[in-house]
Amino acid sequence: MPVKTEKSKKSAPSRRAKHAESGRYVLTRVLLALLTLAVIALGLLLFLAKEGLLFPPKETPDAGAEMTESEKCRAVFYVPEGEPIVVSAGKGDLLVPPDGPEIEHYRFLGWADEKGRRLEDAELRLYADASFSAQYAVAFRSESGETRHEAYLPLDADGCFRPFSPLTRREAAEILFSLLDTDAVGSGSFADVKAEDSCFLAAATLKDLGVIGGSRFHPDEGVSHAEFYEMLAAFYPPCGMPYAFDNISESDSYYSRFCLARHEGWLDDPAVEPDSDLTRAEAAHVFNLLRGRGSVAETNTAKVGTILDVSFRDPYFWDIAEASIAHDCENGGENERWAQSEALPLREEGFFFIGTELHCIDSEGSPLVNETSGNFRFGPDGAYTTGLPELDELVQAKFKELKLDPQKMTTDLMLRKCYDNVTYHSRYLKGDTYEVGATGWELDAAYRMLAEGKGNCYCFAGSFAVLARSLGYDAICYSGTVGPRKSPHGWVEISFDDVPYVFDTNLEYEEHMYKHKTTCMYKLPPARAKGWHYVKEAEQA
């Protein structure tokens, strides 16, 4: 056996290494070749694709070729009269809705989908079949842009607008009828509206048009907010926007009508009571909007004059002026300015009467409404008020009893008649006394005397004071003492030319009743009053 040498042991691994190295070399060359071919092939594909040789375009149909049913969408537009309007379009294509057909006495508002949502855009993109319904409202005439505005809610015979009085159903019907864009006259009838009635044609036409309904109209009753907005709903589509109200829920049948009123700007108060009467001032605001009479930029109140029960400071003043004073205007609509007008006289400062109720004009020619002047308070109708409605009624009842007529009598004569009535047609009855200098007792004392016809000296004084104030005299009641014995007493003072005069109905009553004297305590000048020792203020300690 041959003996292996060290050299033979080392030669075998060397050969294997050479074979392995040779194999890696070959593999590398093959991978490089494949990568090169891939790059060449990708470049060739990109070139062929770019030239359109790899994927030739599909043939497109001719422009006149019909689409298949699967490629079409149909829109059906339903109208009140006649066949539906059918329009086809490709899926995703834009479609222009057709014009709504004209219907006499109505105006086309637009199209609404199956859920009642109105199409607001001029174009519609369809992806599926759909249907729409035409929406109409009673035709309504607008005065926007006109240069002459006639009065439609006139003042009464006294020159008052009566802003807080309810708008009657008669007035509502007549004004709405005057706004209709048609000369047609309806034949609808109501059991309580006769042919000779001023609102007969208005009520009959509005009933035919579906604006009002029922068998009885009740023309002279006030129209509630809910009833009024129900009428207006015939002229406008639902707004589709929800609003929150304090006294109306979404389940109420008239909820959508009030949403419409808020949306159109007819109503600003979310706390409105749906059954409350719509006032004439509120109605003026709404009707001006309906007529297209926008906000008024005018500030010259002389072009309106004095509306005797509407203050220049009233937020509804220009709405009321628009409704009650005929005028020419510029920029009819938004920012309207008055030109020529049938203005009322601008009253001078001072008191005046409407019937037997006292009113007052300030230095600007505006009546005082819900305002005070000195010791005089004027209520929402502009009439003087004691602050107690029941006492105001007793005062007016007394004026009626005494047959006072400010148009035929001087205020001095009426004051004397009130003084004599309190003095000689009342009875004395003991009652509470007040401390010297006490104030604020006269209204309760006056109510007792005018309601019951009897009372103590404070009741005599209080009743004469409120009667005098209702005639425009600044009568002041005093609680103090009288005579050398300093007896507790109440009396009245009125100043003329800054000089205070005493009017003491109870003391004259006592002088006649108990002392059989003909003492006159009417309009005592300071010199004579001093002899009776009147004390107004508590003596200082």
Protein backbone atom coordinates (compact mmCIF):
# COMPACT_ATOMS: atom_id res chain seq x y z
CA MET A 1 0.00 0.00 0.00
CA PRO A 2 1.47 3.28 -0.90
CA VAL A 3 2.04 5.71 1.84
CA LYS A 4 0.13 9.07 1.54
CA THR A 5 2.32 12.01 1.76
CA GLU A 6 1.39 15.43 3.19
CA LYS A 7 1.31 16.90 -0.27
CA SER A 8 -1.47 14.64 -1.51
CA LYS A 9 -3.72 15.63 1.40
CA LYS A 10 -3.67 19.36 0.41
CA SER A 11 -4.31 18.96 -3.33
CA ALA A 12 -7.88 17.58 -3.10
CA PRO A 13 -9.52 20.65 -1.39
CA SER A 14 -7.90 22.96 -3.87
CA ARG A 15 -9.65 21.29 -6.80
CA ARG A 16 -13.03 21.50 -5.10
CA ALA A 17 -12.59 25.18 -4.50
CA LYS A 18 -11.81 25.72 -8.12
CA HIS A 19 -14.98 23.90 -9.16
CA ALA A 20 -17.11 25.99 -6.75
CA GLU A 21 -15.66 29.22 -7.95
CA SER A 22 -16.28 28.23 -11.51
CA GLY A 23 -19.96 27.45 -10.72
CA ARG A 24 -20.56 30.86 -9.11
CA TYR A 25 -19.04 32.54 -12.08
CA VAL A 26 -21.35 30.77 -14.49
CA LEU A 27 -24.43 31.54 -12.35
CA THR A 28 -23.55 35.20 -12.20
CA ARG A 29 -23.18 35.39 -15.95
CA VAL A 30 -26.54 33.70 -16.47
CA LEU A 31 -28.31 36.13 -14.07
CA LEU A 32 -26.78 39.13 -15.78
CA ALA A 33 -27.88 37.82 -19.14
CA LEU A 34 -31.46 37.31 -17.88
CA LEU A 35 -31.58 40.82 -16.35
CA THR A 36 -30.38 42.30 -19.60
CA LEU A 37 -33.06 40.45 -21.54
CA ALA A 38 -35.72 41.65 -19.01
CA VAL A 39 -34.68 45.28 -19.43
CA ILE A 40 -34.72 44.93 -23.21
CA ALA A 41 -38.15 43.26 -23.09
CA LEU A 42 -39.60 45.98 -20.76
CA GLY A 43 -38.30 48.71 -23.00
CA LEU A 44 -39.82 46.98 -26.01
CA LEU A 45 -43.18 46.68 -24.24
CA LEU A 46 -43.17 50.35 -23.29
CA PHE A 47 -42.35 51.31 -26.85
CA LEU A 48 -45.14 49.15 -28.27
CA ALA A 49 -47.63 50.49 -25.71
CA LYS A 50 -46.65 54.06 -26.50
CA GLU A 51 -47.13 53.52 -30.18
CA GLY A 52 -50.48 51.83 -29.58
CA LEU A 53 -49.25 48.58 -31.06
CA LEU A 54 -49.58 46.52 -27.90
CA PHE A 55 -53.16 47.47 -26.83
CA PRO A 56 -55.13 48.88 -29.77
CA PRO A 57 -58.08 51.19 -28.71
CA LYS A 58 -61.56 49.81 -28.59
CA GLU A 59 -63.88 50.91 -31.29
CA THR A 60 -66.26 53.69 -30.04
CA PRO A 61 -69.87 53.76 -31.15
CA ASP A 62 -71.01 56.40 -33.57
CA ALA A 63 -72.34 59.62 -32.03
CA GLY A 64 -75.78 58.76 -33.30
CA ALA A 65 -75.75 55.25 -31.93
CA GLU A 66 -78.37 54.54 -29.28
CA MET A 67 -77.36 53.66 -25.72
CA THR A 68 -78.48 50.40 -24.28
CA GLU A 69 -81.17 50.40 -21.58
CA SER A 70 -78.55 49.68 -18.94
CA GLU A 71 -76.70 52.86 -19.90
CA LYS A 72 -79.76 55.15 -19.57
CA CYS A 73 -81.51 56.95 -16.68
CA ARG A 74 -85.07 58.26 -16.83
CA ALA A 75 -86.36 61.34 -15.04
CA VAL A 76 -90.14 61.66 -14.88
CA PHE A 77 -91.54 65.13 -14.14
CA TYR A 78 -95.17 65.01 -12.99
CA VAL A 79 -97.43 68.01 -13.58
CA PRO A 80 -100.93 68.76 -12.20
CA GLU A 81 -102.50 68.79 -15.64
CA GLY A 82 -101.52 66.65 -18.64
CA GLU A 83 -99.09 63.82 -19.22
CA PRO A 84 -95.82 63.54 -17.25
CA ILE A 85 -92.68 64.89 -18.90
CA VAL A 86 -90.11 62.09 -19.40
CA VAL A 87 -86.45 62.91 -20.01
CA SER A 88 -83.71 60.30 -20.65
CA ALA A 89 -80.01 60.79 -20.10
CA GLY A 90 -76.90 58.71 -19.69
CA LYS A 91 -75.85 57.68 -16.21
CA GLY A 92 -73.85 60.49 -14.67
CA ASP A 93 -74.84 62.95 -17.39
CA LEU A 94 -76.14 66.42 -16.61
CA LEU A 95 -79.82 67.01 -17.23
CA VAL A 96 -81.65 70.35 -17.37
CA PRO A 97 -85.11 70.10 -15.70
CA PRO A 98 -87.92 71.28 -17.98
CA ASP A 99 -89.96 74.41 -17.38
CA GLY A 100 -93.16 73.86 -15.47
CA PRO A 101 -96.33 74.35 -17.50
CA GLU A 102 -98.29 77.52 -16.87
CA ILE A 103 -101.48 77.23 -14.83
CA GLU A 104 -103.86 80.19 -14.66
CA HIS A 105 -103.78 82.11 -11.34
CA TYR A 106 -100.77 80.13 -10.10
CA ARG A 107 -97.00 80.50 -10.43
CA PHE A 108 -94.50 77.70 -10.94
CA LEU A 109 -92.07 77.39 -8.02
CA GLY A 110 -89.90 74.49 -9.13
CA TRP A 111 -89.57 70.71 -8.91
CA ALA A 112 -89.46 68.55 -5.79
CA ASP A 113 -88.26 64.95 -5.45
CA GLU A 114 -90.11 62.05 -3.83
CA LYS A 115 -89.16 63.32 -0.36
CA GLY A 116 -90.40 66.84 -1.06
CA ARG A 117 -86.95 68.36 -1.43
CA ARG A 118 -86.80 71.13 -4.00
CA LEU A 119 -84.30 71.14 -6.85
CA GLU A 120 -82.28 74.25 -6.21
CA ASP A 121 -79.82 73.87 -9.14
CA ALA A 122 -80.46 74.55 -12.82
CA GLU A 123 -78.86 71.20 -13.72
CA LEU A 124 -79.29 67.70 -12.36
CA ARG A 125 -76.86 64.77 -12.58
CA LEU A 126 -78.64 61.39 -12.74
CA TYR A 127 -77.24 58.05 -11.70
CA ALA A 128 -80.56 56.24 -11.42
CA ASP A 129 -84.20 56.66 -12.45
CA ALA A 130 -85.95 59.45 -10.51
CA SER A 131 -89.29 61.26 -10.40
CA PHE A 132 -90.17 64.85 -9.54
CA SER A 133 -93.38 66.83 -8.96
CA ALA A 134 -94.17 70.37 -10.00
CA GLN A 135 -94.74 72.85 -7.17
CA TYR A 136 -97.11 75.78 -7.59
CA ALA A 137 -98.38 78.64 -5.46
CA VAL A 138 -101.15 81.18 -5.91
CA ALA A 139 -99.88 83.97 -8.16
CA PHE A 140 -98.77 86.96 -6.10
CA ARG A 141 -98.11 90.46 -7.36
CA SER A 142 -94.98 92.31 -6.21
CA GLU A 143 -94.50 96.06 -5.95
CA SER A 144 -90.71 95.79 -5.95
CA GLY A 145 -89.25 98.56 -8.06
CA GLU A 146 -92.49 100.56 -8.27
CA THR A 147 -92.24 104.28 -7.57
CA ARG A 148 -95.73 104.73 -6.09
CA HIS A 149 -96.94 103.00 -2.94
CA GLU A 150 -100.59 103.34 -2.00
CA ALA A 151 -101.93 102.96 1.53
CA TYR A 152 -103.57 99.61 2.27
CA LEU A 153 -104.03 99.71 6.08
CA PRO A 154 -105.58 103.15 6.58
CA LEU A 155 -105.83 105.17 9.76
CA ASP A 156 -109.16 105.43 11.55
CA ALA A 157 -111.31 108.57 11.75
CA ASP A 158 -109.30 109.83 14.76
CA GLY A 159 -105.99 109.59 12.90
CA CYS A 160 -104.90 106.46 14.79
CA PHE A 161 -103.43 103.27 13.37
CA ARG A 162 -104.28 101.09 16.40
CA PRO A 163 -100.99 99.14 16.12
CA PHE A 164 -101.78 96.73 18.95
CA SER A 165 -105.30 95.93 17.83
CA PRO A 166 -105.74 92.57 16.12
CA LEU A 167 -105.84 92.41 12.34
CA THR A 168 -109.33 91.22 11.47
CA ARG A 169 -109.99 88.34 9.13
CA ARG A 170 -111.84 90.81 6.92
CA GLU A 171 -108.75 93.05 6.64
CA ALA A 172 -106.49 90.06 5.98
CA ALA A 173 -108.71 88.79 3.17
CA GLU A 174 -109.10 92.18 1.50
CA ILE A 175 -105.37 92.88 1.53
CA LEU A 176 -104.45 89.42 0.22
CA PHE A 177 -107.09 89.75 -2.50
CA SER A 178 -105.58 93.07 -3.58
CA LEU A 179 -102.22 91.31 -3.99
CA LEU A 180 -103.45 88.52 -6.26
CA ASP A 181 -101.93 88.65 -9.73
CA THR A 182 -105.29 88.04 -11.34
CA ASP A 183 -108.54 89.83 -12.02
CA ALA A 184 -110.55 86.66 -11.55
CA VAL A 185 -113.40 86.68 -9.05
CA GLY A 186 -114.25 83.49 -7.22
CA SER A 187 -117.61 81.98 -6.39
CA GLY A 188 -116.81 80.53 -2.95
CA SER A 189 -119.33 81.34 -0.27
CA PHE A 190 -119.52 81.63 3.50
CA ALA A 191 -122.67 81.56 5.62
CA ASP A 192 -121.66 84.73 7.46
CA VAL A 193 -120.50 86.82 4.47
CA LYS A 194 -123.23 88.49 2.43
CA ALA A 195 -122.98 89.74 -1.15
CA GLU A 196 -123.06 93.36 0.00
CA ASP A 197 -120.23 92.81 2.49
CA SER A 198 -116.99 94.68 1.67
CA CYS A 199 -114.97 91.46 1.88
CA PHE A 200 -117.37 89.27 -0.16
CA LEU A 201 -115.32 89.17 -3.39
CA ALA A 202 -112.06 88.76 -1.48
CA ALA A 203 -113.33 85.90 0.66
CA ALA A 204 -115.01 84.15 -2.28
CA THR A 205 -111.91 84.29 -4.47
CA LEU A 206 -109.51 83.21 -1.75
CA LYS A 207 -111.76 80.28 -0.93
CA ASP A 208 -111.73 79.13 -4.57
CA LEU A 209 -107.94 79.35 -4.60
CA GLY A 210 -107.65 77.29 -1.42
CA VAL A 211 -106.21 80.14 0.66
CA ILE A 212 -109.08 79.98 3.18
CA GLY A 213 -111.71 77.35 3.84
CA GLY A 214 -114.63 76.39 6.03
CA SER A 215 -118.31 77.23 5.93
CA ARG A 216 -118.10 80.36 8.11
CA PHE A 217 -115.51 83.11 7.80
CA HIS A 218 -116.01 85.21 10.99
CA PRO A 219 -114.85 88.37 9.19
CA ASP A 220 -114.73 90.71 12.19
CA GLU A 221 -112.77 88.41 14.47
CA GLY A 222 -109.02 88.75 14.89
CA VAL A 223 -106.85 86.42 12.84
CA SER A 224 -104.35 84.39 14.86
CA HIS A 225 -100.72 83.93 13.92
CA ALA A 226 -101.40 80.28 13.05
CA GLU A 227 -104.37 81.16 10.82
CA PHE A 228 -102.50 83.96 9.09
CA TYR A 229 -99.43 81.88 8.26
CA GLU A 230 -101.74 79.10 7.04
CA MET A 231 -103.18 81.61 4.55
CA LEU A 232 -99.73 82.68 3.38
CA ALA A 233 -98.62 79.07 2.91
CA ALA A 234 -100.75 79.00 -0.26
CA PHE A 235 -98.40 81.56 -1.78
CA TYR A 236 -95.06 80.01 -0.78
CA PRO A 237 -93.52 76.53 -0.72
CA PRO A 238 -92.40 74.99 2.57
CA CYS A 239 -88.94 76.23 3.52
CA GLY A 240 -87.70 72.76 4.48
CA MET A 241 -85.59 74.16 7.32
CA PRO A 242 -86.30 73.36 10.99
CA TYR A 243 -86.64 76.16 13.55
CA ALA A 244 -87.02 76.07 17.32
CA PHE A 245 -90.00 77.67 19.04
CA ASP A 246 -90.85 78.00 22.71
CA ASN A 247 -94.52 77.12 22.31
CA ILE A 248 -94.58 75.05 19.11
CA SER A 249 -93.28 71.52 18.63
CA GLU A 250 -92.47 69.63 15.44
CA SER A 251 -95.57 67.46 16.00
CA ASP A 252 -97.92 70.45 15.77
CA SER A 253 -99.86 70.64 12.51
CA TYR A 254 -98.86 74.25 11.97
CA TYR A 255 -95.15 73.77 12.75
CA SER A 256 -94.08 73.97 9.09
CA ARG A 257 -96.08 77.20 8.65
CA PHE A 258 -94.18 78.89 11.45
CA CYS A 259 -90.89 77.62 10.02
CA LEU A 260 -91.88 79.28 6.75
CA ALA A 261 -92.69 82.50 8.62
CA ARG A 262 -89.27 82.51 10.29
CA HIS A 263 -87.53 81.66 7.02
CA GLU A 264 -89.24 84.46 5.08
CA GLY A 265 -88.65 87.06 7.82
CA TRP A 266 -92.31 87.49 8.69
CA LEU A 267 -91.76 86.36 12.27
CA ASP A 268 -88.84 87.15 14.59
CA ASP A 269 -90.17 86.03 17.97
CA PRO A 270 -89.54 82.33 18.79
CA ALA A 271 -91.77 82.71 21.86
CA VAL A 272 -94.86 83.52 19.78
CA GLU A 273 -98.13 81.95 20.90
CA PRO A 274 -99.71 80.34 17.81
CA ASP A 275 -103.26 81.23 18.92
CA SER A 276 -102.42 84.85 19.77
CA ASP A 277 -103.86 87.56 17.56
CA LEU A 278 -101.68 89.05 14.84
CA THR A 279 -101.49 92.79 15.54
CA ARG A 280 -101.93 95.44 12.89
CA ALA A 281 -98.30 96.52 13.40
CA GLU A 282 -97.08 92.95 12.79
CA ALA A 283 -99.35 92.68 9.77
CA ALA A 284 -97.90 95.88 8.28
CA HIS A 285 -94.42 94.39 8.52
CA VAL A 286 -95.46 91.14 6.82
CA PHE A 287 -97.53 92.75 4.07
CA ASN A 288 -94.70 95.14 3.21
CA LEU A 289 -92.43 92.14 2.67
CA LEU A 290 -95.08 90.38 0.59
CA ARG A 291 -95.52 93.47 -1.55
CA GLY A 292 -91.77 93.80 -2.14
CA ARG A 293 -91.52 96.95 -0.06
CA GLY A 294 -88.13 96.48 1.53
CA SER A 295 -86.38 98.32 4.34
CA VAL A 296 -86.87 102.08 4.42
CA ALA A 297 -83.79 104.28 4.60
CA GLU A 298 -85.92 107.39 5.13
CA THR A 299 -85.39 109.38 8.34
CA ASN A 300 -87.50 112.47 7.70
CA THR A 301 -90.58 111.90 9.88
CA ALA A 302 -92.12 115.11 8.53
CA LYS A 303 -92.90 113.14 5.34
CA VAL A 304 -95.19 110.98 7.46
CA GLY A 305 -96.50 113.45 10.02
CA THR A 306 -97.98 112.54 13.37
CA ILE A 307 -99.84 109.24 13.54
CA LEU A 308 -101.53 109.90 16.84
CA ASP A 309 -100.88 106.53 18.46
CA VAL A 310 -97.53 105.55 16.92
CA SER A 311 -94.29 106.98 18.28
CA PHE A 312 -91.45 107.93 15.96
CA ARG A 313 -89.36 105.62 18.14
CA ASP A 314 -91.58 102.60 17.57
CA PRO A 315 -89.62 99.80 15.79
CA TYR A 316 -92.65 99.33 13.52
CA PHE A 317 -92.97 103.06 12.73
CA TRP A 318 -91.78 102.89 9.10
CA ASP A 319 -93.66 99.66 8.45
CA ILE A 320 -96.82 101.38 9.70
CA ALA A 321 -96.05 104.51 7.66
CA GLU A 322 -95.58 102.35 4.54
CA ALA A 323 -98.95 100.72 5.12
CA SER A 324 -100.97 103.83 6.00
CA ILE A 325 -99.45 106.82 4.14
CA ALA A 326 -99.54 106.97 0.32
CA HIS A 327 -96.24 108.16 -1.13
CA ASP A 328 -93.92 108.27 -4.11
CA CYS A 329 -90.56 106.66 -3.53
CA GLU A 330 -87.09 106.12 -4.93
CA ASN A 331 -85.29 102.77 -4.96
CA GLY A 332 -88.54 100.93 -4.34
CA GLY A 333 -87.57 97.85 -2.36
CA GLU A 334 -84.33 97.81 -0.39
CA ASN A 335 -83.23 101.14 1.11
CA GLU A 336 -86.33 102.91 -0.11
CA ARG A 337 -86.48 106.68 0.24
CA TRP A 338 -89.69 108.68 0.17
CA ALA A 339 -90.24 111.48 -2.30
CA GLN A 340 -93.68 113.12 -2.38
CA SER A 341 -96.14 111.88 0.23
CA GLU A 342 -99.63 112.51 1.53
CA ALA A 343 -98.19 113.41 4.92
CA LEU A 344 -100.29 114.03 8.00
CA PRO A 345 -99.89 117.30 9.95
CA LEU A 346 -96.96 117.33 12.33
CA ARG A 347 -98.58 118.01 15.70
CA GLU A 348 -97.34 120.65 18.14
CA GLU A 349 -96.06 119.75 21.58
CA GLY A 350 -98.65 119.34 24.32
CA PHE A 351 -101.70 117.40 25.44
CA PHE A 352 -104.65 116.51 23.24
CA PHE A 353 -107.69 114.27 23.50
CA ILE A 354 -108.94 111.37 21.43
CA GLY A 355 -112.48 111.06 22.65
CA THR A 356 -112.07 111.56 26.40
CA GLU A 357 -108.65 109.93 26.59
CA LEU A 358 -105.63 112.15 27.17
CA HIS A 359 -102.63 111.89 24.81
CA CYS A 360 -99.39 113.86 24.57
CA ILE A 361 -97.09 115.08 21.79
CA ASP A 362 -93.40 115.63 22.52
CA SER A 363 -91.15 118.41 21.20
CA GLU A 364 -90.40 116.44 17.99
CA GLY A 365 -94.05 116.01 17.07
CA SER A 366 -94.15 112.37 18.17
CA PRO A 367 -96.88 110.98 20.44
CA LEU A 368 -95.73 109.49 23.71
CA VAL A 369 -96.43 105.76 23.62
CA ASN A 370 -95.28 103.49 26.44
CA GLU A 371 -93.42 106.51 27.78
CA THR A 372 -93.63 108.98 30.66
CA SER A 373 -93.49 112.73 30.84
CA GLY A 374 -93.07 114.09 34.34
CA ASN A 375 -95.82 112.54 36.46
CA PHE A 376 -97.78 111.38 33.41
CA ARG A 377 -97.57 107.85 32.07
CA PHE A 378 -98.83 106.93 28.60
CA GLY A 379 -99.68 103.35 27.72
CA PRO A 380 -99.26 101.21 24.58
CA ASP A 381 -102.15 102.96 22.88
CA GLY A 382 -100.73 106.38 23.70
CA ALA A 383 -103.49 107.18 26.20
CA TYR A 384 -102.77 108.41 29.72
CA THR A 385 -102.90 105.63 32.27
CA THR A 386 -102.83 105.56 36.03
CA GLY A 387 -100.99 102.27 35.80
CA LEU A 388 -104.04 100.37 37.03
CA PRO A 389 -106.31 99.28 34.14
CA GLU A 390 -109.31 98.88 36.45
CA LEU A 391 -108.84 102.44 37.73
CA ASP A 392 -108.52 103.75 34.17
CA GLU A 393 -111.90 102.19 33.42
CA LEU A 394 -113.46 103.89 36.45
CA VAL A 395 -112.04 107.26 35.36
CA GLN A 396 -113.51 106.90 31.86
CA ALA A 397 -116.82 105.76 33.34
CA LYS A 398 -116.87 108.90 35.49
CA PHE A 399 -116.13 111.10 32.46
CA LYS A 400 -119.01 109.44 30.65
CA GLU A 401 -121.29 109.95 33.65
CA LEU A 402 -120.39 113.65 33.77
CA LYS A 403 -120.81 113.93 29.99
CA LEU A 404 -117.42 115.54 29.57
CA ASP A 405 -116.64 116.52 25.98
CA PRO A 406 -113.12 117.85 25.32
CA GLN A 407 -114.26 118.99 21.86
CA LYS A 408 -116.90 121.29 23.33
CA MET A 409 -115.67 122.07 26.86
CA THR A 410 -112.59 123.81 28.17
CA THR A 411 -110.33 121.79 30.45
CA ASP A 412 -111.02 124.31 33.24
CA LEU A 413 -114.74 123.61 32.98
CA MET A 414 -114.18 119.85 32.99
CA LEU A 415 -111.84 120.16 35.99
CA ARG A 416 -114.49 122.07 37.93
CA LYS A 417 -117.16 119.48 37.10
CA CYS A 418 -114.87 116.70 38.40
CA TYR A 419 -114.13 118.68 41.57
CA ASP A 420 -117.81 119.33 42.28
CA ASN A 421 -118.73 115.70 41.62
CA VAL A 422 -116.15 114.38 44.10
CA THR A 423 -117.12 117.03 46.65
CA TYR A 424 -120.90 116.77 46.53
CA HIS A 425 -121.56 113.24 45.28
CA SER A 426 -119.37 111.28 47.69
CA ARG A 427 -119.83 110.20 51.28
CA TYR A 428 -117.34 110.33 54.07
CA LEU A 429 -116.22 107.04 55.60
CA LYS A 430 -113.49 106.72 58.20
CA GLY A 431 -110.39 104.90 57.09
CA ASP A 432 -106.66 104.62 57.45
CA THR A 433 -104.56 107.75 57.86
CA TYR A 434 -101.05 108.28 56.55
CA GLU A 435 -97.96 109.85 58.05
CA VAL A 436 -96.99 113.38 57.15
CA GLY A 437 -95.08 113.34 53.85
CA ALA A 438 -96.25 109.83 52.87
CA THR A 439 -96.62 109.23 49.13
CA GLY A 440 -97.89 106.51 46.80
CA TRP A 441 -101.26 106.06 48.48
CA GLU A 442 -103.45 108.00 46.07
CA LEU A 443 -104.21 105.27 43.51
CA ASP A 444 -105.62 102.79 46.03
CA ALA A 445 -107.54 105.61 47.71
CA ALA A 446 -108.90 106.79 44.35
CA TYR A 447 -110.01 103.30 43.36
CA ARG A 448 -111.93 102.91 46.63
CA MET A 449 -113.75 106.22 46.19
CA LEU A 450 -114.57 105.81 42.48
CA ALA A 451 -115.66 102.19 42.94
CA GLU A 452 -117.69 102.61 46.15
CA GLY A 453 -118.52 106.35 46.21
CA LYS A 454 -117.25 106.79 49.78
CA GLY A 455 -114.03 107.18 51.71
CA ASN A 456 -112.01 109.48 53.96
CA CYS A 457 -110.08 112.65 53.08
CA TYR A 458 -107.34 110.64 51.34
CA CYS A 459 -109.94 108.98 49.11
CA PHE A 460 -111.46 112.37 48.29
CA ALA A 461 -108.00 113.71 47.37
CA GLY A 462 -106.91 110.61 45.43
CA SER A 463 -110.04 110.41 43.29
CA PHE A 464 -109.91 114.10 42.37
CA ALA A 465 -106.18 113.82 41.59
CA VAL A 466 -106.55 110.97 39.07
CA LEU A 467 -109.49 112.73 37.41
CA ALA A 468 -107.44 115.94 37.15
CA ARG A 469 -104.42 114.09 35.75
CA SER A 470 -106.64 112.45 33.16
CA LEU A 471 -107.49 115.98 32.01
CA GLY A 472 -103.82 116.97 31.74
CA TYR A 473 -103.37 118.68 35.11
CA ASP A 474 -100.27 117.73 37.09
CA ALA A 475 -102.17 117.10 40.32
CA ILE A 476 -100.03 116.23 43.37
CA CYS A 477 -101.49 114.53 46.44
CA TYR A 478 -100.16 115.48 49.86
CA SER A 479 -100.46 113.70 53.19
CA GLY A 480 -99.99 116.08 56.08
CA THR A 481 -102.00 118.03 58.61
CA VAL A 482 -104.49 120.89 58.45
CA GLY A 483 -105.74 123.47 60.94
CA PRO A 484 -104.32 124.62 64.24
CA ARG A 485 -105.01 121.20 65.75
CA LYS A 486 -102.85 119.59 63.08
CA SER A 487 -105.44 117.02 62.13
CA PRO A 488 -104.20 114.28 59.72
CA HIS A 489 -105.36 115.22 56.26
CA GLY A 490 -104.97 114.62 52.52
CA TRP A 491 -105.42 117.22 49.77
CA VAL A 492 -104.37 118.09 46.20
CA GLU A 493 -102.23 120.86 44.75
CA ILE A 494 -101.95 121.91 41.10
CA SER A 495 -99.49 124.53 39.91
CA PHE A 496 -100.39 127.24 37.42
CA ASP A 497 -97.47 129.30 36.11
CA ASP A 498 -95.31 127.65 38.78
CA VAL A 499 -97.65 128.81 41.55
CA PRO A 500 -99.18 125.96 43.64
CA TYR A 501 -102.94 126.14 44.29
CA VAL A 502 -104.81 123.98 46.81
CA PHE A 503 -107.84 121.86 45.85
CA ASP A 504 -109.44 120.39 48.98
CA THR A 505 -112.61 118.46 48.11
CA ASN A 506 -112.98 116.84 51.54
CA LEU A 507 -112.59 120.06 53.53
CA GLU A 508 -115.21 121.79 51.36
CA TYR A 509 -117.45 118.73 51.83
CA GLU A 510 -117.10 119.00 55.64
CA GLU A 511 -117.64 122.76 55.66
CA HIS A 512 -120.92 122.29 53.82
CA MET A 513 -122.05 119.06 55.46
CA TYR A 514 -121.21 119.71 59.09
CA LYS A 515 -120.76 123.46 59.44
CA HIS A 516 -123.31 124.54 56.84
CA LYS A 517 -120.88 127.00 55.34
CA THR A 518 -120.40 127.90 51.70
CA THR A 519 -116.64 127.73 51.92
CA CYS A 520 -114.99 127.22 48.52
CA MET A 521 -111.78 125.20 48.58
CA TYR A 522 -111.36 125.11 44.80
CA LYS A 523 -108.06 126.53 43.53
CA LEU A 524 -107.00 128.31 46.72
CA PRO A 525 -104.03 130.61 46.07
CA PRO A 526 -101.08 130.37 48.48
CA ALA A 527 -102.18 133.40 50.50
CA ARG A 528 -105.61 131.93 51.29
CA ALA A 529 -104.29 128.41 51.76
CA LYS A 530 -101.86 129.72 54.38
CA GLY A 531 -104.77 130.53 56.69
CA TRP A 532 -105.73 126.87 56.84
CA HIS A 533 -102.32 125.87 58.21
CA TYR A 534 -101.50 123.13 55.73
CA VAL A 535 -98.38 121.19 56.75
CA LYS A 536 -96.77 118.99 54.06
CA GLU A 537 -93.61 117.84 55.76
CA ALA A 538 -92.86 116.37 59.16
CA GLU A 539 -91.43 118.91 61.59
CA GLN A 540 -87.73 118.55 62.31
CA ALA A 541 -86.91 117.46 65.88
